[in-house]
């Protein structure tokens, strides 16, 4: 079995659910208490992913970066060495979708080969305008050349799938 360990960043504005997604993925827990991430928090989770005729043991080193303007100056140093990122926006706050392009641009400036998955979080709070918001999120993901996933850190919907999707992209390497 091949063993791989890769750095992955969670990117997005404050309060989009990055820390909650990591907590749900790594520990299968969710808390309603909002605690703003200061700086970076690193977690680890190992996945077994089938690739071709072998099983790859992929350890994701999950860097949960603070989503604040004060942190923008230091972001490049935290992005260095990242193989990929989950770029997260909050379905209830349209402005968080608009800023994803900046996060992806920053990541790809530091590592042009980095792989990205766009995550639309808080699906449990999606209202009647849902179809329009989801279509816009999918359009942004296509523009960023990234797979798109719908998640809810609260219910767990789509969380494992989003991280596994990124893991598969990382193991497969750069696109041709």
N, C-alpha and C. Protein backbone atom coordinates (compact mmCIF):
# COMPACT_ATOMS: atom_id res chain seq x y z
N UNK A 1 0.84 -1.18 0.00
CA UNK A 1 0.00 0.00 0.00
C UNK A 1 0.89 1.25 0.00
N UNK A 2 0.59 2.15 -0.89
CA UNK A 2 1.32 3.42 -0.96
C UNK A 2 0.78 4.36 0.10
N UNK A 3 1.69 5.07 0.78
CA UNK A 3 1.30 6.03 1.82
C UNK A 3 1.71 7.43 1.39
N UNK A 4 0.76 8.37 1.49
CA UNK A 4 1.00 9.74 1.07
C UNK A 4 0.47 10.66 2.15
N UNK A 5 1.20 11.73 2.44
CA UNK A 5 0.77 12.74 3.40
C UNK A 5 0.81 14.09 2.70
N UNK A 6 -0.31 14.82 2.70
CA UNK A 6 -0.39 16.08 1.97
C UNK A 6 -1.05 17.17 2.81
N UNK A 7 -0.57 18.38 2.61
CA UNK A 7 -1.15 19.55 3.25
C UNK A 7 -2.32 20.06 2.42
N UNK A 8 -3.45 20.28 3.12
CA UNK A 8 -4.67 20.79 2.49
C UNK A 8 -5.16 21.97 3.31
N UNK A 9 -5.53 23.05 2.64
CA UNK A 9 -6.03 24.23 3.34
C UNK A 9 -7.54 24.35 3.18
N UNK A 10 -8.18 24.89 4.21
CA UNK A 10 -9.58 25.27 4.11
C UNK A 10 -9.60 26.78 3.98
N UNK A 11 -10.21 27.26 2.91
CA UNK A 11 -10.21 28.68 2.61
C UNK A 11 -11.63 29.19 2.50
N UNK A 12 -11.82 30.43 2.90
CA UNK A 12 -13.13 31.06 2.80
C UNK A 12 -13.24 32.16 3.83
N UNK A 13 -14.27 32.98 3.68
CA UNK A 13 -14.50 34.09 4.59
C UNK A 13 -14.80 33.60 6.01
N UNK A 14 -14.81 34.53 6.95
CA UNK A 14 -15.11 34.17 8.34
C UNK A 14 -16.54 33.62 8.43
N UNK A 15 -16.73 32.67 9.32
CA UNK A 15 -18.04 32.10 9.67
C UNK A 15 -18.75 31.37 8.53
N UNK A 16 -17.99 30.86 7.55
CA UNK A 16 -18.63 30.07 6.50
C UNK A 16 -18.75 28.60 6.91
N UNK A 17 -18.03 28.21 7.97
CA UNK A 17 -18.13 26.84 8.47
C UNK A 17 -16.90 25.99 8.25
N UNK A 18 -15.76 26.61 7.99
CA UNK A 18 -14.53 25.84 7.74
C UNK A 18 -14.17 24.96 8.94
N UNK A 19 -14.14 25.55 10.12
CA UNK A 19 -13.78 24.80 11.33
C UNK A 19 -14.82 23.72 11.61
N UNK A 20 -16.08 24.02 11.39
CA UNK A 20 -17.15 23.04 11.61
C UNK A 20 -17.04 21.87 10.63
N UNK A 21 -16.65 22.15 9.38
CA UNK A 21 -16.47 21.08 8.41
C UNK A 21 -15.33 20.16 8.83
N UNK A 22 -14.21 20.73 9.28
CA UNK A 22 -13.09 19.93 9.74
C UNK A 22 -13.50 19.09 10.95
N UNK A 23 -14.20 19.70 11.89
CA UNK A 23 -14.65 19.00 13.09
C UNK A 23 -15.58 17.83 12.74
N UNK A 24 -16.48 18.07 11.79
CA UNK A 24 -17.41 17.00 11.36
C UNK A 24 -16.63 15.89 10.66
N UNK A 25 -15.69 16.25 9.80
CA UNK A 25 -14.93 15.27 9.03
C UNK A 25 -13.98 14.45 9.91
N UNK A 26 -13.24 15.11 10.79
CA UNK A 26 -12.22 14.45 11.58
C UNK A 26 -12.81 13.73 12.80
N UNK A 27 -13.74 14.40 13.51
CA UNK A 27 -14.25 13.87 14.77
C UNK A 27 -15.73 13.49 14.74
N UNK A 28 -16.42 13.77 13.63
CA UNK A 28 -17.85 13.54 13.47
C UNK A 28 -18.67 14.24 14.56
N UNK A 29 -18.29 15.49 14.85
CA UNK A 29 -19.05 16.29 15.82
C UNK A 29 -19.35 17.66 15.23
N UNK A 30 -20.39 18.30 15.77
CA UNK A 30 -20.77 19.65 15.38
C UNK A 30 -21.17 20.42 16.63
N UNK A 31 -20.74 21.67 16.68
CA UNK A 31 -21.11 22.53 17.80
C UNK A 31 -21.73 23.81 17.25
N UNK A 32 -22.83 24.25 17.88
CA UNK A 32 -23.47 25.50 17.48
C UNK A 32 -22.71 26.72 17.97
N UNK A 33 -21.78 26.51 18.88
CA UNK A 33 -21.02 27.64 19.43
C UNK A 33 -20.01 28.12 18.40
N UNK A 34 -20.05 29.40 18.09
CA UNK A 34 -19.13 29.95 17.11
C UNK A 34 -17.85 30.42 17.80
N UNK A 35 -16.74 29.83 17.37
CA UNK A 35 -15.43 30.26 17.84
C UNK A 35 -14.61 30.64 16.62
N UNK A 36 -14.26 31.89 16.52
CA UNK A 36 -13.48 32.36 15.38
C UNK A 36 -12.08 31.77 15.44
N UNK A 37 -11.61 31.23 14.31
CA UNK A 37 -10.26 30.70 14.25
C UNK A 37 -9.27 31.86 14.22
N UNK A 38 -8.26 31.77 15.04
CA UNK A 38 -7.21 32.77 15.07
C UNK A 38 -5.96 32.12 14.51
N UNK A 39 -5.45 32.67 13.42
CA UNK A 39 -4.26 32.09 12.80
C UNK A 39 -4.62 30.83 12.04
N UNK A 40 -4.06 29.71 12.47
CA UNK A 40 -4.30 28.44 11.78
C UNK A 40 -4.42 27.32 12.80
N UNK A 41 -5.30 26.38 12.51
CA UNK A 41 -5.44 25.18 13.33
C UNK A 41 -5.20 23.99 12.40
N UNK A 42 -4.34 23.07 12.81
CA UNK A 42 -4.00 21.92 11.97
C UNK A 42 -4.61 20.66 12.57
N UNK A 43 -5.32 19.91 11.72
CA UNK A 43 -5.89 18.61 12.11
C UNK A 43 -5.39 17.57 11.11
N UNK A 44 -5.61 16.31 11.44
CA UNK A 44 -5.13 15.23 10.59
C UNK A 44 -6.20 14.14 10.48
N UNK A 45 -6.34 13.62 9.25
CA UNK A 45 -7.22 12.46 9.05
C UNK A 45 -6.65 11.63 7.92
N UNK A 46 -6.68 10.31 8.11
CA UNK A 46 -6.17 9.38 7.10
C UNK A 46 -7.34 8.69 6.41
N UNK A 47 -7.25 8.64 5.08
CA UNK A 47 -8.25 7.99 4.24
C UNK A 47 -7.60 6.88 3.44
N UNK A 48 -8.34 5.84 3.17
CA UNK A 48 -7.89 4.81 2.24
C UNK A 48 -8.66 5.04 0.94
N UNK A 49 -7.92 5.31 -0.13
CA UNK A 49 -8.55 5.62 -1.41
C UNK A 49 -8.05 4.65 -2.48
N UNK A 50 -8.98 4.03 -3.21
CA UNK A 50 -8.56 3.16 -4.30
C UNK A 50 -8.11 4.00 -5.51
N UNK A 51 -6.94 3.67 -6.02
CA UNK A 51 -6.42 4.34 -7.22
C UNK A 51 -5.88 3.26 -8.13
N UNK A 52 -6.45 3.16 -9.32
CA UNK A 52 -6.09 2.12 -10.27
C UNK A 52 -6.22 0.76 -9.59
N UNK A 53 -5.12 0.01 -9.50
CA UNK A 53 -5.18 -1.33 -8.92
C UNK A 53 -4.63 -1.39 -7.51
N UNK A 54 -4.49 -0.22 -6.86
CA UNK A 54 -3.93 -0.24 -5.50
C UNK A 54 -4.76 0.63 -4.57
N UNK A 55 -4.52 0.43 -3.28
CA UNK A 55 -5.14 1.25 -2.25
C UNK A 55 -4.08 2.22 -1.75
N UNK A 56 -4.44 3.50 -1.71
CA UNK A 56 -3.51 4.53 -1.24
C UNK A 56 -3.98 5.01 0.12
N UNK A 57 -3.06 5.02 1.07
CA UNK A 57 -3.36 5.56 2.40
C UNK A 57 -2.95 7.03 2.37
N UNK A 58 -3.96 7.91 2.34
CA UNK A 58 -3.71 9.34 2.24
C UNK A 58 -3.97 10.01 3.58
N UNK A 59 -2.94 10.63 4.13
CA UNK A 59 -3.10 11.41 5.35
C UNK A 59 -3.23 12.88 4.94
N UNK A 60 -4.38 13.44 5.27
CA UNK A 60 -4.62 14.85 4.99
C UNK A 60 -4.24 15.67 6.22
N UNK A 61 -3.33 16.61 6.03
CA UNK A 61 -2.99 17.56 7.08
C UNK A 61 -3.83 18.79 6.79
N UNK A 62 -4.89 18.98 7.56
CA UNK A 62 -5.91 19.99 7.28
C UNK A 62 -5.57 21.29 7.99
N UNK A 63 -5.23 22.30 7.23
CA UNK A 63 -4.90 23.61 7.77
C UNK A 63 -6.14 24.48 7.65
N UNK A 64 -6.72 24.79 8.79
CA UNK A 64 -7.91 25.63 8.87
C UNK A 64 -7.44 27.07 9.08
N UNK A 65 -7.48 27.86 8.03
CA UNK A 65 -6.97 29.22 8.07
C UNK A 65 -8.05 30.20 8.50
N UNK A 66 -7.65 31.18 9.29
CA UNK A 66 -8.59 32.22 9.70
C UNK A 66 -9.09 32.95 8.46
N UNK A 67 -10.37 33.25 8.43
CA UNK A 67 -10.96 33.97 7.31
C UNK A 67 -11.19 35.41 7.68
N UNK A 68 -10.12 36.17 7.87
CA UNK A 68 -10.29 37.56 8.25
C UNK A 68 -9.37 38.44 7.43
N UNK A 69 -9.75 39.68 7.28
CA UNK A 69 -8.94 40.61 6.51
C UNK A 69 -7.58 40.81 7.16
N UNK A 70 -7.51 40.77 8.49
CA UNK A 70 -6.24 40.95 9.19
C UNK A 70 -5.25 39.85 8.83
N UNK A 71 -5.78 38.68 8.46
CA UNK A 71 -4.94 37.53 8.18
C UNK A 71 -4.43 37.52 6.74
N UNK A 72 -5.02 38.35 5.87
CA UNK A 72 -4.67 38.36 4.46
C UNK A 72 -3.17 38.50 4.21
N UNK A 73 -2.50 39.35 4.99
CA UNK A 73 -1.08 39.60 4.78
C UNK A 73 -0.24 38.35 4.96
N UNK A 74 -0.66 37.44 5.83
CA UNK A 74 0.14 36.25 6.15
C UNK A 74 -0.30 35.01 5.39
N UNK A 75 -1.37 35.12 4.62
CA UNK A 75 -1.96 33.95 3.98
C UNK A 75 -0.97 33.20 3.09
N UNK A 76 -0.16 33.89 2.31
CA UNK A 76 0.75 33.22 1.37
C UNK A 76 1.70 32.27 2.08
N UNK A 77 2.19 32.65 3.26
CA UNK A 77 3.11 31.75 3.97
C UNK A 77 2.39 30.50 4.45
N UNK A 78 1.12 30.61 4.80
CA UNK A 78 0.37 29.42 5.23
C UNK A 78 -0.03 28.54 4.04
N UNK A 79 -0.17 29.14 2.87
CA UNK A 79 -0.54 28.38 1.68
C UNK A 79 0.65 27.62 1.09
N UNK A 80 1.85 28.04 1.41
CA UNK A 80 3.05 27.41 0.86
C UNK A 80 3.04 25.92 1.21
N UNK A 81 3.25 25.09 0.19
CA UNK A 81 3.31 23.65 0.40
C UNK A 81 1.96 22.96 0.35
N UNK A 82 0.89 23.71 0.15
CA UNK A 82 -0.45 23.10 0.10
C UNK A 82 -0.66 22.41 -1.25
N UNK A 83 -1.07 21.16 -1.20
CA UNK A 83 -1.37 20.41 -2.42
C UNK A 83 -2.76 20.75 -2.94
N UNK A 84 -3.62 21.25 -2.06
CA UNK A 84 -4.97 21.56 -2.48
C UNK A 84 -5.74 22.27 -1.39
N UNK A 85 -7.00 22.58 -1.71
CA UNK A 85 -7.83 23.30 -0.75
C UNK A 85 -9.31 23.01 -0.96
N UNK A 86 -10.04 23.05 0.14
CA UNK A 86 -11.49 23.13 0.11
C UNK A 86 -11.80 24.61 0.23
N UNK A 87 -12.45 25.18 -0.77
CA UNK A 87 -12.82 26.59 -0.76
C UNK A 87 -14.30 26.66 -0.40
N UNK A 88 -14.58 27.23 0.77
CA UNK A 88 -15.90 27.14 1.38
C UNK A 88 -16.62 28.48 1.35
N UNK A 89 -17.91 28.43 1.01
CA UNK A 89 -18.75 29.61 1.15
C UNK A 89 -20.03 29.22 1.87
N UNK A 90 -20.69 30.23 2.38
CA UNK A 90 -21.92 30.07 3.17
C UNK A 90 -23.11 30.34 2.24
N UNK A 91 -23.96 29.34 2.07
CA UNK A 91 -25.11 29.48 1.18
C UNK A 91 -26.07 30.60 1.58
N UNK A 92 -26.01 31.04 2.83
CA UNK A 92 -26.93 32.08 3.30
C UNK A 92 -26.34 33.49 3.15
N UNK A 93 -25.07 33.57 2.69
CA UNK A 93 -24.41 34.88 2.54
C UNK A 93 -23.73 34.94 1.18
N UNK A 94 -24.40 35.55 0.21
CA UNK A 94 -23.93 35.58 -1.19
C UNK A 94 -22.53 36.15 -1.32
N UNK A 95 -22.17 37.13 -0.50
CA UNK A 95 -20.86 37.76 -0.63
C UNK A 95 -19.71 36.77 -0.39
N UNK A 96 -19.98 35.69 0.34
CA UNK A 96 -18.92 34.71 0.61
C UNK A 96 -18.59 33.89 -0.63
N UNK A 97 -19.54 33.77 -1.55
CA UNK A 97 -19.30 33.06 -2.81
C UNK A 97 -18.44 33.94 -3.72
N UNK A 98 -18.72 35.22 -3.73
CA UNK A 98 -18.00 36.14 -4.60
C UNK A 98 -16.51 36.20 -4.28
N UNK A 99 -16.13 35.95 -3.04
CA UNK A 99 -14.72 36.06 -2.66
C UNK A 99 -13.92 34.79 -2.90
N UNK A 100 -14.55 33.69 -3.30
CA UNK A 100 -13.81 32.43 -3.50
C UNK A 100 -12.72 32.55 -4.56
N UNK A 101 -12.99 33.34 -5.59
CA UNK A 101 -12.01 33.50 -6.66
C UNK A 101 -10.69 34.06 -6.15
N UNK A 102 -10.75 34.97 -5.18
CA UNK A 102 -9.54 35.57 -4.61
C UNK A 102 -8.74 34.51 -3.86
N UNK A 103 -9.44 33.66 -3.08
CA UNK A 103 -8.75 32.61 -2.34
C UNK A 103 -8.06 31.63 -3.28
N UNK A 104 -8.75 31.24 -4.35
CA UNK A 104 -8.17 30.30 -5.31
C UNK A 104 -6.99 30.95 -6.03
N UNK A 105 -7.13 32.21 -6.39
CA UNK A 105 -6.03 32.93 -7.04
C UNK A 105 -4.81 32.98 -6.13
N UNK A 106 -5.01 33.28 -4.84
CA UNK A 106 -3.90 33.31 -3.88
C UNK A 106 -3.22 31.95 -3.79
N UNK A 107 -4.02 30.89 -3.70
CA UNK A 107 -3.48 29.53 -3.59
C UNK A 107 -2.67 29.17 -4.83
N UNK A 108 -3.24 29.43 -6.00
CA UNK A 108 -2.58 29.04 -7.25
C UNK A 108 -1.37 29.92 -7.55
N UNK A 109 -1.32 31.10 -6.97
CA UNK A 109 -0.12 31.94 -7.12
C UNK A 109 1.04 31.29 -6.37
N UNK A 110 0.76 30.71 -5.20
CA UNK A 110 1.78 30.07 -4.38
C UNK A 110 2.10 28.67 -4.92
N UNK A 111 1.08 27.95 -5.36
CA UNK A 111 1.25 26.60 -5.89
C UNK A 111 0.34 26.41 -7.11
N UNK A 112 0.85 26.65 -8.30
CA UNK A 112 0.02 26.56 -9.51
C UNK A 112 -0.63 25.20 -9.74
N UNK A 113 -0.06 24.13 -9.19
CA UNK A 113 -0.60 22.79 -9.40
C UNK A 113 -1.63 22.39 -8.33
N UNK A 114 -1.91 23.28 -7.39
CA UNK A 114 -2.85 22.95 -6.30
C UNK A 114 -4.23 22.61 -6.86
N UNK A 115 -4.86 21.62 -6.26
CA UNK A 115 -6.20 21.19 -6.65
C UNK A 115 -7.21 21.82 -5.69
N UNK A 116 -8.39 22.12 -6.21
CA UNK A 116 -9.41 22.85 -5.45
C UNK A 116 -10.75 22.15 -5.57
N UNK A 117 -11.50 22.14 -4.47
CA UNK A 117 -12.90 21.71 -4.47
C UNK A 117 -13.71 22.85 -3.86
N UNK A 118 -14.77 23.27 -4.54
CA UNK A 118 -15.65 24.32 -4.03
C UNK A 118 -16.74 23.67 -3.20
N UNK A 119 -16.95 24.20 -1.99
CA UNK A 119 -17.93 23.65 -1.06
C UNK A 119 -18.96 24.72 -0.72
N UNK A 120 -20.23 24.41 -0.99
CA UNK A 120 -21.35 25.26 -0.60
C UNK A 120 -21.87 24.71 0.72
N UNK A 121 -21.58 25.39 1.81
CA UNK A 121 -21.90 24.89 3.14
C UNK A 121 -23.20 25.52 3.68
N UNK A 122 -23.75 24.85 4.68
CA UNK A 122 -24.97 25.26 5.39
C UNK A 122 -26.22 24.98 4.56
N UNK A 123 -26.21 23.83 3.88
CA UNK A 123 -27.37 23.44 3.06
C UNK A 123 -28.63 23.28 3.92
N UNK A 124 -28.44 23.01 5.22
CA UNK A 124 -29.59 22.87 6.12
C UNK A 124 -30.32 24.19 6.33
N UNK A 125 -29.69 25.31 5.96
CA UNK A 125 -30.31 26.63 6.14
C UNK A 125 -30.81 27.23 4.82
N UNK A 126 -30.70 26.48 3.74
CA UNK A 126 -31.07 26.98 2.42
C UNK A 126 -32.58 27.22 2.34
N UNK A 127 -32.96 28.40 1.94
CA UNK A 127 -34.37 28.77 1.86
C UNK A 127 -34.95 28.56 0.48
N UNK A 128 -36.03 29.30 0.19
CA UNK A 128 -36.76 29.15 -1.06
C UNK A 128 -35.93 29.56 -2.28
N UNK A 129 -34.96 30.43 -2.09
CA UNK A 129 -34.11 30.89 -3.19
C UNK A 129 -33.04 29.85 -3.54
N UNK A 130 -33.12 28.68 -2.96
CA UNK A 130 -32.10 27.64 -3.07
C UNK A 130 -31.62 27.31 -4.45
N UNK A 131 -32.52 27.09 -5.40
CA UNK A 131 -32.12 26.67 -6.74
C UNK A 131 -31.22 27.71 -7.40
N UNK A 132 -31.56 28.97 -7.24
CA UNK A 132 -30.77 30.05 -7.85
C UNK A 132 -29.38 30.13 -7.22
N UNK A 133 -29.32 30.04 -5.91
CA UNK A 133 -28.04 30.10 -5.19
C UNK A 133 -27.15 28.92 -5.57
N UNK A 134 -27.73 27.73 -5.65
CA UNK A 134 -26.96 26.54 -6.02
C UNK A 134 -26.44 26.63 -7.45
N UNK A 135 -27.26 27.14 -8.36
CA UNK A 135 -26.83 27.29 -9.75
C UNK A 135 -25.66 28.27 -9.84
N UNK A 136 -25.72 29.35 -9.08
CA UNK A 136 -24.63 30.34 -9.08
C UNK A 136 -23.35 29.72 -8.51
N UNK A 137 -23.48 28.93 -7.45
CA UNK A 137 -22.31 28.28 -6.85
C UNK A 137 -21.67 27.29 -7.83
N UNK A 138 -22.49 26.54 -8.53
CA UNK A 138 -21.97 25.60 -9.52
C UNK A 138 -21.26 26.33 -10.66
N UNK A 139 -21.79 27.48 -11.05
CA UNK A 139 -21.18 28.29 -12.09
C UNK A 139 -19.80 28.80 -11.65
N UNK A 140 -19.69 29.26 -10.41
CA UNK A 140 -18.41 29.72 -9.87
C UNK A 140 -17.41 28.55 -9.86
N UNK A 141 -17.86 27.38 -9.44
CA UNK A 141 -16.97 26.21 -9.40
C UNK A 141 -16.46 25.88 -10.81
N UNK A 142 -17.34 25.93 -11.81
CA UNK A 142 -16.91 25.66 -13.19
C UNK A 142 -15.87 26.70 -13.63
N UNK A 143 -16.12 27.96 -13.31
CA UNK A 143 -15.19 29.03 -13.66
C UNK A 143 -13.81 28.81 -13.01
N UNK A 144 -13.81 28.25 -11.80
CA UNK A 144 -12.56 27.99 -11.08
C UNK A 144 -11.96 26.64 -11.45
N UNK A 145 -12.62 25.93 -12.38
CA UNK A 145 -12.18 24.60 -12.81
C UNK A 145 -12.05 23.66 -11.62
N UNK A 146 -13.13 23.62 -10.82
CA UNK A 146 -13.11 22.83 -9.58
C UNK A 146 -14.41 22.05 -9.43
N UNK A 147 -14.34 20.85 -8.88
CA UNK A 147 -15.57 20.13 -8.54
C UNK A 147 -16.34 20.92 -7.48
N UNK A 148 -17.64 20.70 -7.43
CA UNK A 148 -18.52 21.41 -6.49
C UNK A 148 -19.23 20.40 -5.61
N UNK A 149 -19.34 20.72 -4.30
CA UNK A 149 -20.06 19.87 -3.37
C UNK A 149 -20.96 20.69 -2.47
N UNK A 150 -22.13 20.16 -2.20
CA UNK A 150 -23.10 20.76 -1.29
C UNK A 150 -22.94 20.08 0.07
N UNK A 151 -22.76 20.87 1.14
CA UNK A 151 -22.53 20.28 2.45
C UNK A 151 -23.33 20.98 3.55
N UNK A 152 -23.44 20.26 4.66
CA UNK A 152 -23.92 20.83 5.92
C UNK A 152 -23.06 20.23 7.02
N UNK A 153 -22.25 21.07 7.63
CA UNK A 153 -21.44 20.59 8.75
C UNK A 153 -22.35 20.16 9.89
N UNK A 154 -23.51 20.81 10.00
CA UNK A 154 -24.44 20.51 11.09
C UNK A 154 -25.02 19.09 10.96
N UNK A 155 -25.51 18.75 9.77
CA UNK A 155 -26.13 17.43 9.58
C UNK A 155 -25.13 16.37 9.11
N UNK A 156 -24.00 16.83 8.58
CA UNK A 156 -23.01 15.91 8.03
C UNK A 156 -23.18 15.66 6.54
N UNK A 157 -24.25 16.18 5.96
CA UNK A 157 -24.52 15.97 4.53
C UNK A 157 -23.35 16.41 3.66
N UNK A 158 -22.84 15.50 2.84
CA UNK A 158 -21.84 15.81 1.84
C UNK A 158 -20.43 16.09 2.33
N UNK A 159 -20.22 16.10 3.64
CA UNK A 159 -18.90 16.49 4.17
C UNK A 159 -17.83 15.46 3.79
N UNK A 160 -18.06 14.22 4.11
CA UNK A 160 -17.10 13.16 3.79
C UNK A 160 -16.83 13.12 2.29
N UNK A 161 -17.88 13.26 1.49
CA UNK A 161 -17.75 13.20 0.03
C UNK A 161 -16.86 14.32 -0.49
N UNK A 162 -17.01 15.53 0.06
CA UNK A 162 -16.20 16.67 -0.40
C UNK A 162 -14.71 16.43 -0.11
N UNK A 163 -14.40 15.98 1.10
CA UNK A 163 -13.00 15.73 1.44
C UNK A 163 -12.44 14.56 0.62
N UNK A 164 -13.24 13.52 0.42
CA UNK A 164 -12.77 12.38 -0.38
C UNK A 164 -12.54 12.79 -1.83
N UNK A 165 -13.40 13.65 -2.36
CA UNK A 165 -13.23 14.15 -3.72
C UNK A 165 -11.88 14.86 -3.85
N UNK A 166 -11.57 15.73 -2.89
CA UNK A 166 -10.28 16.41 -2.91
C UNK A 166 -9.14 15.40 -2.79
N UNK A 167 -9.29 14.43 -1.92
CA UNK A 167 -8.27 13.39 -1.77
C UNK A 167 -7.99 12.66 -3.07
N UNK A 168 -9.06 12.29 -3.78
CA UNK A 168 -8.88 11.59 -5.07
C UNK A 168 -8.16 12.49 -6.08
N UNK A 169 -8.53 13.77 -6.13
CA UNK A 169 -7.85 14.71 -7.04
C UNK A 169 -6.36 14.81 -6.72
N UNK A 170 -6.03 14.83 -5.44
CA UNK A 170 -4.64 14.96 -5.02
C UNK A 170 -3.83 13.72 -5.36
N UNK A 171 -4.42 12.56 -5.20
CA UNK A 171 -3.72 11.31 -5.49
C UNK A 171 -3.52 11.13 -6.99
N UNK A 172 -4.50 11.57 -7.77
CA UNK A 172 -4.40 11.43 -9.22
C UNK A 172 -3.37 12.37 -9.82
N UNK A 173 -3.03 13.43 -9.09
CA UNK A 173 -2.02 14.37 -9.57
C UNK A 173 -2.60 15.40 -10.50
N UNK A 174 -1.73 16.21 -11.10
CA UNK A 174 -2.17 17.30 -11.98
C UNK A 174 -2.92 16.78 -13.20
N UNK A 175 -3.83 17.60 -13.67
CA UNK A 175 -4.59 17.24 -14.85
C UNK A 175 -3.70 17.41 -16.09
N UNK A 176 -4.02 16.64 -17.10
CA UNK A 176 -3.20 16.71 -18.34
C UNK A 176 -3.56 17.94 -19.14
